[in-house]
Amino acid sequence: MSGLNIIHTIERSFLLVRKDPALLLLFILPALFPVERMISNGLMIFIIVGPPEPASTRSILLLVLYFVIGFFLGVWASAGAILKVTELEKGSKMGLQEALSRGLERVPRLLVPALAGLAFYVLIIVGITIAVTPYMFVGMASPGEDMSPSSIVLRVAMGFVAIVVLYFATRLRLYAPACVLERNFGLKTSWKLVKGNWWKLLAILLVFGVMATIIGRIPVAGVYLSRMIVDPLTVIAVTLVYFQLGEARSSTEEH
């Protein structure tokens, strides 16, 4: 019997934030660096409009630095949040400073699977954008014109790629809590735990994804609020899923 309860996991995620609002504080700085949003917007513009004008070396370096800092802070905040959730589930509360200190120790190892997760994200965005956009690249087709066979094949193929990558990304989505708590890369653990629970985990992630989209539409501060509120909720939910499926697996093995 599956140990994953969708409604309970979502409700529990909000409850833990109420118990320990410091979970949101961990993401104040990372929220200033919406790396994923910038990547998705940049990829869609590149695919639909075409390559931008050449930028200066200084601009490129600053952009790379921005992404590196944002990615690092996001991973660090996630590690700290996972440790705090772990203690909350044990009935105690970890201080913000301790969570950051202990979380920082996990960052070097967590960076590896996190980079893999970012690569999956990029592939999904590229696949979906090419599959659903009315035209792929400037000059290939224009709105209202019939798509050529090669364009249709490309769109179908990229849609298939996006679906396949989404499957793998979801199966490996528990890498963060597994990596932080088991002190390994967590990919193998995640793959085993999510087996038979793929749709349930995807449903949980979609709920928070829709929430992020809605909050992100708030003028001016939407993107920032989305990252500061939804990102920690997602990390909490993923950690809770890790615990639920881990307990279910242990119970099954014992019997």
Protein backbone atom coordinates (compact mmCIF):
# COMPACT_ATOMS: atom_id res chain seq x y z
CA MET A 1 0.00 0.00 0.00
CA SER A 2 1.35 3.43 -0.93
CA GLY A 3 2.49 5.63 1.93
CA LEU A 4 1.98 8.87 -0.01
CA ASN A 5 -1.07 10.99 0.79
CA ILE A 6 -1.42 14.01 -1.51
CA ILE A 7 -3.85 16.12 0.54
CA HIS A 8 -2.09 15.38 3.81
CA THR A 9 1.29 16.32 2.34
CA ILE A 10 0.05 19.66 1.04
CA GLU A 11 -1.77 20.51 4.26
CA ARG A 12 1.21 19.43 6.35
CA SER A 13 3.52 21.68 4.31
CA PHE A 14 1.46 24.75 5.20
CA LEU A 15 1.17 23.62 8.81
CA LEU A 16 4.95 23.36 9.19
CA VAL A 17 5.37 26.90 7.85
CA ARG A 18 2.88 28.09 10.47
CA LYS A 19 4.83 26.23 13.16
CA ASP A 20 8.17 27.58 12.00
CA PRO A 21 7.93 30.74 9.82
CA ALA A 22 11.74 30.80 9.73
CA LEU A 23 11.41 28.30 6.89
CA LEU A 24 10.39 31.25 4.72
CA LEU A 25 13.27 33.39 5.98
CA LEU A 26 15.73 30.91 4.50
CA PHE A 27 14.54 31.91 1.03
CA ILE A 28 14.62 35.70 1.37
CA LEU A 29 17.98 36.04 -0.41
CA PRO A 30 17.47 33.23 -2.96
CA ALA A 31 14.17 34.90 -3.93
CA LEU A 32 16.19 37.85 -5.24
CA PHE A 33 17.71 35.52 -7.83
CA PRO A 34 14.85 33.96 -9.87
CA VAL A 35 17.25 31.79 -11.84
CA GLU A 36 14.68 29.30 -13.11
CA ARG A 37 12.31 32.06 -14.25
CA MET A 38 15.08 33.86 -16.11
CA ILE A 39 16.22 30.63 -17.77
CA SER A 40 12.70 29.71 -18.90
CA ASN A 41 11.96 33.21 -20.20
CA GLY A 42 15.32 33.41 -21.95
CA LEU A 43 14.87 30.02 -23.62
CA MET A 44 11.37 30.85 -24.83
CA ILE A 45 12.52 34.17 -26.27
CA PHE A 46 15.48 32.50 -27.95
CA ILE A 47 13.33 29.77 -29.50
CA ILE A 48 10.49 32.02 -30.64
CA VAL A 49 12.29 35.25 -31.53
CA GLY A 50 15.82 34.09 -32.18
CA PRO A 51 19.25 34.79 -30.67
CA PRO A 52 19.67 38.19 -29.01
CA GLU A 53 22.18 40.84 -29.95
CA PRO A 54 25.76 39.96 -28.91
CA ALA A 55 26.43 41.11 -25.35
CA SER A 56 29.68 42.51 -23.97
CA THR A 57 32.08 40.25 -22.12
CA ARG A 58 31.40 42.17 -18.92
CA SER A 59 27.65 41.67 -19.25
CA ILE A 60 28.10 37.95 -19.84
CA LEU A 61 30.38 37.62 -16.80
CA LEU A 62 27.92 39.51 -14.61
CA LEU A 63 25.09 37.30 -15.84
CA VAL A 64 27.08 34.14 -15.12
CA LEU A 65 27.96 35.46 -11.65
CA TYR A 66 24.28 36.23 -11.05
CA PHE A 67 23.26 32.70 -11.96
CA VAL A 68 26.03 31.10 -9.89
CA ILE A 69 25.15 33.13 -6.79
CA GLY A 70 21.44 32.52 -7.21
CA PHE A 71 21.87 28.80 -7.77
CA PHE A 72 24.18 28.45 -4.76
CA LEU A 73 21.84 30.37 -2.46
CA GLY A 74 18.87 28.30 -3.61
CA VAL A 75 20.66 25.02 -2.91
CA TRP A 76 21.85 26.30 0.47
CA ALA A 77 18.35 27.40 1.48
CA SER A 78 16.91 24.05 0.41
CA ALA A 79 19.45 22.15 2.51
CA GLY A 80 18.65 24.27 5.55
CA ALA A 81 14.90 23.86 5.04
CA ILE A 82 15.22 20.07 4.78
CA LEU A 83 17.11 19.95 8.07
CA LYS A 84 14.51 22.16 9.77
CA VAL A 85 11.64 20.01 8.48
CA THR A 86 13.41 16.91 9.74
CA GLU A 87 13.61 18.34 13.24
CA LEU A 88 10.00 19.55 13.14
CA GLU A 89 8.88 16.04 12.23
CA LYS A 90 10.79 14.81 15.28
CA GLY A 91 8.90 17.26 17.49
CA SER A 92 11.69 19.81 17.96
CA LYS A 93 12.72 23.03 16.25
CA MET A 94 16.10 23.89 14.72
CA GLY A 95 17.27 27.48 14.88
CA LEU A 96 17.83 29.48 11.71
CA GLN A 97 21.56 29.88 12.32
CA GLU A 98 22.05 26.18 12.96
CA ALA A 99 20.04 25.27 9.86
CA LEU A 100 22.20 27.54 7.72
CA SER A 101 25.42 26.28 9.29
CA ARG A 102 24.58 22.60 8.94
CA GLY A 103 22.98 23.17 5.55
CA LEU A 104 26.15 24.76 4.23
CA GLU A 105 28.02 21.55 4.98
CA ARG A 106 25.66 19.66 2.65
CA VAL A 107 25.84 22.15 -0.22
CA PRO A 108 28.94 20.77 -2.03
CA ARG A 109 27.40 17.31 -2.45
CA LEU A 110 23.90 18.66 -3.12
CA LEU A 111 25.17 20.85 -5.97
CA VAL A 112 25.73 17.78 -8.16
CA PRO A 113 22.15 16.43 -8.26
CA ALA A 114 20.81 20.01 -8.20
CA LEU A 115 22.68 20.72 -11.44
CA ALA A 116 21.15 17.57 -12.92
CA GLY A 117 17.73 18.83 -11.83
CA LEU A 118 18.38 22.18 -13.51
CA ALA A 119 19.40 20.37 -16.71
CA PHE A 120 16.12 18.43 -16.64
CA TYR A 121 14.25 21.70 -16.17
CA VAL A 122 15.96 23.26 -19.19
CA LEU A 123 15.15 20.24 -21.37
CA ILE A 124 11.50 20.30 -20.32
CA ILE A 125 11.18 24.03 -21.07
CA VAL A 126 12.86 23.64 -24.47
CA GLY A 127 10.72 20.62 -25.38
CA ILE A 128 7.43 22.22 -24.34
CA THR A 129 8.24 25.56 -25.96
CA ILE A 130 9.12 24.02 -29.31
CA ALA A 131 6.16 21.64 -29.17
CA VAL A 132 3.45 24.17 -28.40
CA THR A 133 4.63 27.45 -29.92
CA PRO A 134 2.85 28.41 -33.20
CA TYR A 135 6.21 28.62 -34.92
CA MET A 136 9.65 27.35 -33.98
CA PHE A 137 12.12 29.87 -35.26
CA VAL A 138 11.74 33.13 -37.07
CA GLY A 139 11.37 32.46 -40.78
CA MET A 140 10.50 28.77 -40.43
CA ALA A 141 6.78 29.42 -40.30
CA SER A 142 4.42 32.24 -39.51
CA PRO A 143 1.07 32.25 -37.76
CA GLY A 144 -1.73 31.11 -40.05
CA GLU A 145 0.53 29.15 -42.38
CA ASP A 146 0.47 25.35 -42.62
CA MET A 147 3.34 23.73 -40.81
CA SER A 148 5.74 21.76 -42.94
CA PRO A 149 6.06 18.00 -42.27
CA SER A 150 9.55 18.48 -40.85
CA SER A 151 8.27 21.16 -38.45
CA ILE A 152 5.43 18.94 -37.29
CA VAL A 153 7.82 16.02 -36.73
CA LEU A 154 10.13 18.29 -34.76
CA ARG A 155 7.30 19.56 -32.57
CA VAL A 156 6.01 16.06 -31.87
CA ALA A 157 9.52 14.78 -31.16
CA MET A 158 10.29 17.62 -28.74
CA GLY A 159 6.95 17.13 -27.02
CA PHE A 160 7.85 13.47 -26.53
CA VAL A 161 11.28 14.46 -25.20
CA ALA A 162 9.64 16.84 -22.71
CA ILE A 163 7.33 14.07 -21.46
CA VAL A 164 10.18 11.57 -21.09
CA VAL A 165 12.36 14.10 -19.28
CA LEU A 166 9.43 15.04 -17.02
CA TYR A 167 9.09 11.37 -16.07
CA PHE A 168 12.77 11.09 -15.13
CA ALA A 169 12.80 14.46 -13.38
CA THR A 170 9.82 13.45 -11.22
CA ARG A 171 11.29 10.04 -10.39
CA LEU A 172 14.47 11.81 -9.22
CA ARG A 173 12.73 14.75 -7.50
CA LEU A 174 13.45 13.44 -3.99
CA TYR A 175 17.18 13.80 -4.53
CA ALA A 176 17.48 16.81 -2.20
CA PRO A 177 16.20 15.30 1.06
CA ALA A 178 17.89 11.99 0.24
CA CYS A 179 21.17 13.77 -0.45
CA VAL A 180 21.02 15.97 2.65
CA LEU A 181 19.87 13.28 5.08
CA GLU A 182 21.67 10.24 3.70
CA ARG A 183 24.79 12.12 2.65
CA ASN A 184 24.90 10.74 -0.86
CA PHE A 185 23.73 12.14 -4.18
CA GLY A 186 20.22 10.85 -3.47
CA LEU A 187 19.33 9.99 -7.06
CA LYS A 188 19.24 6.22 -6.55
CA THR A 189 17.15 6.56 -3.39
CA SER A 190 14.69 8.88 -5.08
CA TRP A 191 14.29 6.56 -8.05
CA LYS A 192 13.40 3.65 -5.75
CA LEU A 193 11.06 5.60 -3.47
CA VAL A 194 9.00 7.25 -6.20
CA LYS A 195 8.32 3.95 -7.95
CA GLY A 196 4.56 3.46 -8.01
CA ASN A 197 3.96 7.00 -6.73
CA TRP A 198 4.94 9.02 -9.81
CA TRP A 199 1.49 10.45 -10.48
CA LYS A 200 0.95 11.40 -6.85
CA LEU A 201 4.27 13.21 -6.60
CA LEU A 202 3.63 14.96 -9.90
CA ALA A 203 0.21 16.08 -8.64
CA ILE A 204 1.79 17.62 -5.53
CA LEU A 205 4.42 19.42 -7.61
CA LEU A 206 1.75 20.69 -10.02
CA VAL A 207 -0.26 22.17 -7.14
CA PHE A 208 2.69 24.24 -6.04
CA GLY A 209 3.59 25.01 -9.65
CA VAL A 210 0.14 26.48 -10.26
CA MET A 211 0.42 28.40 -7.01
CA ALA A 212 3.76 29.84 -8.11
CA THR A 213 2.27 30.88 -11.46
CA ILE A 214 -0.68 32.65 -9.81
CA ILE A 215 1.45 34.50 -7.26
CA GLY A 216 4.01 35.32 -9.95
CA ARG A 217 1.37 37.34 -11.81
CA ILE A 218 1.17 39.87 -9.00
CA PRO A 219 2.59 43.14 -10.38
CA VAL A 220 6.17 44.08 -9.44
CA ALA A 221 6.69 41.74 -6.45
CA GLY A 222 5.03 38.62 -7.85
CA VAL A 223 8.16 36.75 -8.89
CA TYR A 224 9.88 37.55 -5.60
CA LEU A 225 6.87 36.51 -3.49
CA SER A 226 6.47 33.35 -5.53
CA ARG A 227 10.01 32.24 -4.81
CA MET A 228 9.93 33.26 -1.14
CA ILE A 229 6.62 31.50 -0.43
CA VAL A 230 6.24 28.64 -2.89
CA ASP A 231 9.86 27.48 -3.05
CA PRO A 232 10.04 26.63 0.68
CA LEU A 233 6.60 25.01 0.53
CA THR A 234 7.79 22.83 -2.34
CA VAL A 235 10.95 21.82 -0.49
CA ILE A 236 8.89 21.01 2.59
CA ALA A 237 6.45 18.92 0.57
CA VAL A 238 9.23 17.00 -1.17
CA THR A 239 10.87 16.30 2.18
CA LEU A 240 7.57 15.06 3.62
CA VAL A 241 7.11 12.81 0.58
CA TYR A 242 10.59 11.42 1.18
CA PHE A 243 9.66 10.56 4.78
CA GLN A 244 6.29 9.06 3.84
CA LEU A 245 7.64 6.87 1.07
CA GLY A 246 10.68 5.91 3.12
CA GLU A 247 8.46 4.76 5.98
CA ALA A 248 6.18 2.87 3.59
CA ARG A 249 9.16 1.14 2.01
CA SER A 250 10.62 0.19 5.40
CA SER A 251 7.27 -1.20 6.53
CA THR A 252 6.99 -3.26 3.35
CA GLU A 253 10.50 -4.65 3.70
CA GLU A 254 9.86 -5.60 7.33
CA HIS A 255 6.87 -7.69 6.26
